[in-house]
Amino acid sequence: MTKEDLIAVGYTKSTAQGIIREAKALMIKKGFAFYNNKRLGSVPKEAIEEITGIKLSE
């Protein structure tokens, strides 16, 4: 998911950016060094769901 996907769901721009930032940090913590990249703006939907606690539909 990207920032734009979160905005489409109803989050504000700054909140969406923060969620993506947190999700990237979570993925890095889980051992996926691939997400340690400033230019990468997408994360797995499961990471977003884990952070927000909300189940997102397809």
PDB file of N, CA and C in Angstrom:
ATOM      1  N   MET A   1       0.833  -1.174   0.000  1.00  0.00           N
ATOM      2  CA  MET A   1       0.000   0.000   0.000  1.00  0.00           C
ATOM      3  C   MET A   1       0.880   1.240   0.000  1.00  0.00           C
ATOM      4  N   THR A   2       0.357   2.286  -0.575  1.00  0.00           N
ATOM      5  CA  THR A   2       1.080   3.546  -0.637  1.00  0.00           C
ATOM      6  C   THR A   2       0.324   4.615   0.138  1.00  0.00           C
ATOM      7  N   LYS A   3       0.951   5.776   0.240  1.00  0.00           N
ATOM      8  CA  LYS A   3       0.320   6.912   0.908  1.00  0.00           C
ATOM      9  C   LYS A   3      -0.999   7.261   0.218  1.00  0.00           C
ATOM     10  N   GLU A   4      -1.015   7.201  -1.090  1.00  0.00           N
ATOM     11  CA  GLU A   4      -2.221   7.531  -1.853  1.00  0.00           C
ATOM     12  C   GLU A   4      -3.365   6.563  -1.550  1.00  0.00           C
ATOM     13  N   ASP A   5      -3.030   5.278  -1.355  1.00  0.00           N
ATOM     14  CA  ASP A   5      -4.046   4.287  -0.995  1.00  0.00           C
ATOM     15  C   ASP A   5      -4.676   4.633   0.350  1.00  0.00           C
ATOM     16  N   LEU A   6      -3.846   5.047   1.305  1.00  0.00           N
ATOM     17  CA  LEU A   6      -4.361   5.401   2.632  1.00  0.00           C
ATOM     18  C   LEU A   6      -5.212   6.665   2.578  1.00  0.00           C
ATOM     19  N   ILE A   7      -4.818   7.610   1.747  1.00  0.00           N
ATOM     20  CA  ILE A   7      -5.609   8.835   1.583  1.00  0.00           C
ATOM     21  C   ILE A   7      -6.974   8.490   0.991  1.00  0.00           C
ATOM     22  N   ALA A   8      -6.998   7.553   0.035  1.00  0.00           N
ATOM     23  CA  ALA A   8      -8.255   7.134  -0.582  1.00  0.00           C
ATOM     24  C   ALA A   8      -9.175   6.451   0.431  1.00  0.00           C
ATOM     25  N   VAL A   9      -8.602   5.792   1.423  1.00  0.00           N
ATOM     26  CA  VAL A   9      -9.390   5.134   2.469  1.00  0.00           C
ATOM     27  C   VAL A   9      -9.977   6.157   3.432  1.00  0.00           C
ATOM     28  N   GLY A  10      -9.330   7.335   3.546  1.00  0.00           N
ATOM     29  CA  GLY A  10      -9.888   8.381   4.392  1.00  0.00           C
ATOM     30  C   GLY A  10      -8.916   9.038   5.347  1.00  0.00           C
ATOM     31  N   TYR A  11      -7.655   8.634   5.324  1.00  0.00           N
ATOM     32  CA  TYR A  11      -6.659   9.263   6.191  1.00  0.00           C
ATOM     33  C   TYR A  11      -6.195  10.588   5.581  1.00  0.00           C
ATOM     34  N   THR A  12      -5.774  11.515   6.429  1.00  0.00           N
ATOM     35  CA  THR A  12      -5.218  12.763   5.921  1.00  0.00           C
ATOM     36  C   THR A  12      -3.821  12.489   5.385  1.00  0.00           C
ATOM     37  N   LYS A  13      -3.296  13.440   4.624  1.00  0.00           N
ATOM     38  CA  LYS A  13      -1.982  13.262   4.005  1.00  0.00           C
ATOM     39  C   LYS A  13      -0.897  13.023   5.042  1.00  0.00           C
ATOM     40  N   SER A  14      -0.876  13.836   6.093  1.00  0.00           N
ATOM     41  CA  SER A  14       0.183  13.705   7.102  1.00  0.00           C
ATOM     42  C   SER A  14       0.044  12.408   7.896  1.00  0.00           C
ATOM     43  N   THR A  15      -1.179  12.000   8.186  1.00  0.00           N
ATOM     44  CA  THR A  15      -1.394  10.746   8.900  1.00  0.00           C
ATOM     45  C   THR A  15      -0.956   9.567   8.040  1.00  0.00           C
ATOM     46  N   ALA A  16      -1.295   9.614   6.758  1.00  0.00           N
ATOM     47  CA  ALA A  16      -0.910   8.546   5.836  1.00  0.00           C
ATOM     48  C   ALA A  16       0.613   8.440   5.746  1.00  0.00           C
ATOM     49  N   GLN A  17       1.286   9.570   5.679  1.00  0.00           N
ATOM     50  CA  GLN A  17       2.750   9.565   5.631  1.00  0.00           C
ATOM     51  C   GLN A  17       3.331   8.952   6.899  1.00  0.00           C
ATOM     52  N   GLY A  18       2.762   9.294   8.036  1.00  0.00           N
ATOM     53  CA  GLY A  18       3.236   8.751   9.308  1.00  0.00           C
ATOM     54  C   GLY A  18       3.039   7.247   9.407  1.00  0.00           C
ATOM     55  N   ILE A  19       1.898   6.772   8.914  1.00  0.00           N
ATOM     56  CA  ILE A  19       1.621   5.338   8.944  1.00  0.00           C
ATOM     57  C   ILE A  19       2.613   4.592   8.057  1.00  0.00           C
ATOM     58  N   ILE A  20       2.885   5.120   6.873  1.00  0.00           N
ATOM     59  CA  ILE A  20       3.860   4.497   5.971  1.00  0.00           C
ATOM     60  C   ILE A  20       5.231   4.475   6.634  1.00  0.00           C
ATOM     61  N   ARG A  21       5.603   5.569   7.276  1.00  0.00           N
ATOM     62  CA  ARG A  21       6.906   5.649   7.954  1.00  0.00           C
ATOM     63  C   ARG A  21       6.999   4.589   9.052  1.00  0.00           C
ATOM     64  N   GLU A  22       5.940   4.461   9.847  1.00  0.00           N
ATOM     65  CA  GLU A  22       5.929   3.460  10.912  1.00  0.00           C
ATOM     66  C   GLU A  22       5.972   2.046  10.345  1.00  0.00           C
ATOM     67  N   ALA A  23       5.241   1.815   9.259  1.00  0.00           N
ATOM     68  CA  ALA A  23       5.206   0.484   8.649  1.00  0.00           C
ATOM     69  C   ALA A  23       6.581   0.104   8.097  1.00  0.00           C
ATOM     70  N   LYS A  24       7.273   1.072   7.508  1.00  0.00           N
ATOM     71  CA  LYS A  24       8.622   0.797   7.017  1.00  0.00           C
ATOM     72  C   LYS A  24       9.560   0.451   8.168  1.00  0.00           C
ATOM     73  N   ALA A  25       9.441   1.178   9.278  1.00  0.00           N
ATOM     74  CA  ALA A  25      10.268   0.893  10.448  1.00  0.00           C
ATOM     75  C   ALA A  25       9.957  -0.501  10.997  1.00  0.00           C
ATOM     76  N   LEU A  26       8.686  -0.879  10.992  1.00  0.00           N
ATOM     77  CA  LEU A  26       8.281  -2.202  11.451  1.00  0.00           C
ATOM     78  C   LEU A  26       8.880  -3.292  10.564  1.00  0.00           C
ATOM     79  N   MET A  27       8.841  -3.083   9.257  1.00  0.00           N
ATOM     80  CA  MET A  27       9.381  -4.077   8.335  1.00  0.00           C
ATOM     81  C   MET A  27      10.897  -4.193   8.494  1.00  0.00           C
ATOM     82  N   ILE A  28      11.572  -3.088   8.734  1.00  0.00           N
ATOM     83  CA  ILE A  28      13.024  -3.114   8.969  1.00  0.00           C
ATOM     84  C   ILE A  28      13.314  -3.892  10.250  1.00  0.00           C
ATOM     85  N   LYS A  29      12.499  -3.653  11.263  1.00  0.00           N
ATOM     86  CA  LYS A  29      12.673  -4.342  12.546  1.00  0.00           C
ATOM     87  C   LYS A  29      12.476  -5.847  12.396  1.00  0.00           C
ATOM     88  N   LYS A  30      11.589  -6.240  11.474  1.00  0.00           N
ATOM     89  CA  LYS A  30      11.329  -7.663  11.225  1.00  0.00           C
ATOM     90  C   LYS A  30      12.437  -8.310  10.386  1.00  0.00           C
ATOM     91  N   GLY A  31      13.396  -7.496   9.916  1.00  0.00           N
ATOM     92  CA  GLY A  31      14.524  -8.057   9.195  1.00  0.00           C
ATOM     93  C   GLY A  31      14.507  -7.828   7.696  1.00  0.00           C
ATOM     94  N   PHE A  32      13.585  -7.035   7.208  1.00  0.00           N
ATOM     95  CA  PHE A  32      13.513  -6.748   5.781  1.00  0.00           C
ATOM     96  C   PHE A  32      14.258  -5.448   5.489  1.00  0.00           C
ATOM     97  N   ALA A  33      15.577  -5.552   5.292  1.00  0.00           N
ATOM     98  CA  ALA A  33      16.422  -4.376   5.067  1.00  0.00           C
ATOM     99  C   ALA A  33      16.039  -3.627   3.792  1.00  0.00           C
ATOM    100  N   PHE A  34      15.326  -4.285   2.905  1.00  0.00           N
ATOM    101  CA  PHE A  34      14.861  -3.680   1.652  1.00  0.00           C
ATOM    102  C   PHE A  34      14.068  -2.395   1.914  1.00  0.00           C
ATOM    103  N   TYR A  35      13.369  -2.326   3.039  1.00  0.00           N
ATOM    104  CA  TYR A  35      12.529  -1.162   3.347  1.00  0.00           C
ATOM    105  C   TYR A  35      13.316   0.005   3.931  1.00  0.00           C
ATOM    106  N   ASN A  36      14.616  -0.163   4.110  1.00  0.00           N
ATOM    107  CA  ASN A  36      15.458   0.918   4.612  1.00  0.00           C
ATOM    108  C   ASN A  36      15.920   1.767   3.425  1.00  0.00           C
ATOM    109  N   ASN A  37      14.952   2.385   2.742  1.00  0.00           N
ATOM    110  CA  ASN A  37      15.194   3.129   1.521  1.00  0.00           C
ATOM    111  C   ASN A  37      14.238   4.325   1.488  1.00  0.00           C
ATOM    112  N   LYS A  38      14.782   5.525   1.416  1.00  0.00           N
ATOM    113  CA  LYS A  38      13.951   6.735   1.416  1.00  0.00           C
ATOM    114  C   LYS A  38      12.967   6.781   0.258  1.00  0.00           C
ATOM    115  N   ARG A  39      13.378   6.287  -0.880  1.00  0.00           N
ATOM    116  CA  ARG A  39      12.547   6.400  -2.078  1.00  0.00           C
ATOM    117  C   ARG A  39      11.414   5.385  -2.136  1.00  0.00           C
ATOM    118  N   LEU A  40      11.497   4.360  -1.331  1.00  0.00           N
ATOM    119  CA  LEU A  40      10.458   3.340  -1.331  1.00  0.00           C
ATOM    120  C   LEU A  40       9.245   3.866  -0.577  1.00  0.00           C
ATOM    121  N   GLY A  41       8.107   3.893  -1.245  1.00  0.00           N
ATOM    122  CA  GLY A  41       6.910   4.472  -0.634  1.00  0.00           C
ATOM    123  C   GLY A  41       5.772   3.492  -0.462  1.00  0.00           C
ATOM    124  N   SER A  42       6.030   2.211  -0.654  1.00  0.00           N
ATOM    125  CA  SER A  42       4.958   1.230  -0.489  1.00  0.00           C
ATOM    126  C   SER A  42       5.368   0.170   0.528  1.00  0.00           C
ATOM    127  N   VAL A  43       4.377  -0.317   1.242  1.00  0.00           N
ATOM    128  CA  VAL A  43       4.589  -1.338   2.262  1.00  0.00           C
ATOM    129  C   VAL A  43       3.473  -2.373   2.143  1.00  0.00           C
ATOM    130  N   PRO A  44       3.683  -3.556   2.696  1.00  0.00           N
ATOM    131  CA  PRO A  44       2.622  -4.573   2.644  1.00  0.00           C
ATOM    132  C   PRO A  44       1.387  -4.148   3.433  1.00  0.00           C
ATOM    133  N   LYS A  45       0.243  -4.553   2.937  1.00  0.00           N
ATOM    134  CA  LYS A  45      -1.030  -4.232   3.591  1.00  0.00           C
ATOM    135  C   LYS A  45      -1.061  -4.771   5.012  1.00  0.00           C
ATOM    136  N   GLU A  46      -0.443  -5.917   5.237  1.00  0.00           N
ATOM    137  CA  GLU A  46      -0.431  -6.531   6.564  1.00  0.00           C
ATOM    138  C   GLU A  46       0.276  -5.641   7.580  1.00  0.00           C
ATOM    139  N   ALA A  47       1.321  -4.933   7.161  1.00  0.00           N
ATOM    140  CA  ALA A  47       2.035  -4.027   8.063  1.00  0.00           C
ATOM    141  C   ALA A  47       1.134  -2.857   8.454  1.00  0.00           C
ATOM    142  N   ILE A  48       0.377  -2.334   7.505  1.00  0.00           N
ATOM    143  CA  ILE A  48      -0.566  -1.240   7.779  1.00  0.00           C
ATOM    144  C   ILE A  48      -1.633  -1.712   8.760  1.00  0.00           C
ATOM    145  N   GLU A  49      -2.154  -2.918   8.531  1.00  0.00           N
ATOM    146  CA  GLU A  49      -3.190  -3.459   9.409  1.00  0.00           C
ATOM    147  C   GLU A  49      -2.653  -3.672  10.818  1.00  0.00           C
ATOM    148  N   GLU A  50      -1.399  -4.101  10.934  1.00  0.00           N
ATOM    149  CA  GLU A  50      -0.794  -4.330  12.249  1.00  0.00           C
ATOM    150  C   GLU A  50      -0.644  -3.023  13.019  1.00  0.00           C
ATOM    151  N   ILE A  51      -0.288  -1.961  12.336  1.00  0.00           N
ATOM    152  CA  ILE A  51      -0.096  -0.662  12.983  1.00  0.00           C
ATOM    153  C   ILE A  51      -1.424  -0.026  13.376  1.00  0.00           C
ATOM    154  N   THR A  52      -2.362  -0.011  12.441  1.00  0.00           N
ATOM    155  CA  THR A  52      -3.638   0.672  12.701  1.00  0.00           C
ATOM    156  C   THR A  52      -4.612  -0.182  13.508  1.00  0.00           C
ATOM    157  N   GLY A  53      -4.473  -1.487  13.416  1.00  0.00           N
ATOM    158  CA  GLY A  53      -5.410  -2.369  14.102  1.00  0.00           C
ATOM    159  C   GLY A  53      -6.736  -2.499  13.375  1.00  0.00           C
ATOM    160  N   ILE A  54      -6.764  -2.031  12.128  1.00  0.00           N
ATOM    161  CA  ILE A  54      -7.983  -2.060  11.325  1.00  0.00           C
ATOM    162  C   ILE A  54      -7.764  -2.991  10.134  1.00  0.00           C
ATOM    163  N   LYS A  55      -8.682  -3.904   9.912  1.00  0.00           N
ATOM    164  CA  LYS A  55      -8.604  -4.820   8.772  1.00  0.00           C
ATOM    165  C   LYS A  55      -9.034  -4.074   7.521  1.00  0.00           C
ATOM    166  N   LEU A  56      -8.134  -4.000   6.532  1.00  0.00           N
ATOM    167  CA  LEU A  56      -8.425  -3.288   5.293  1.00  0.00           C
ATOM    168  C   LEU A  56      -8.916  -4.273   4.236  1.00  0.00           C
ATOM    169  N   SER A  57      -9.881  -3.865   3.442  1.00  0.00           N
ATOM    170  CA  SER A  57     -10.385  -4.740   2.383  1.00  0.00           C
ATOM    171  C   SER A  57      -9.487  -4.622   1.160  1.00  0.00           C
ATOM    172  N   GLU A  58      -9.651  -5.537   0.255  1.00  0.00           N
ATOM    173  CA  GLU A  58      -8.827  -5.574  -0.963  1.00  0.00           C
ATOM    174  C   GLU A  58      -9.027  -4.349  -1.811  1.00  0.00           C
TER     175      GLU A  58
END
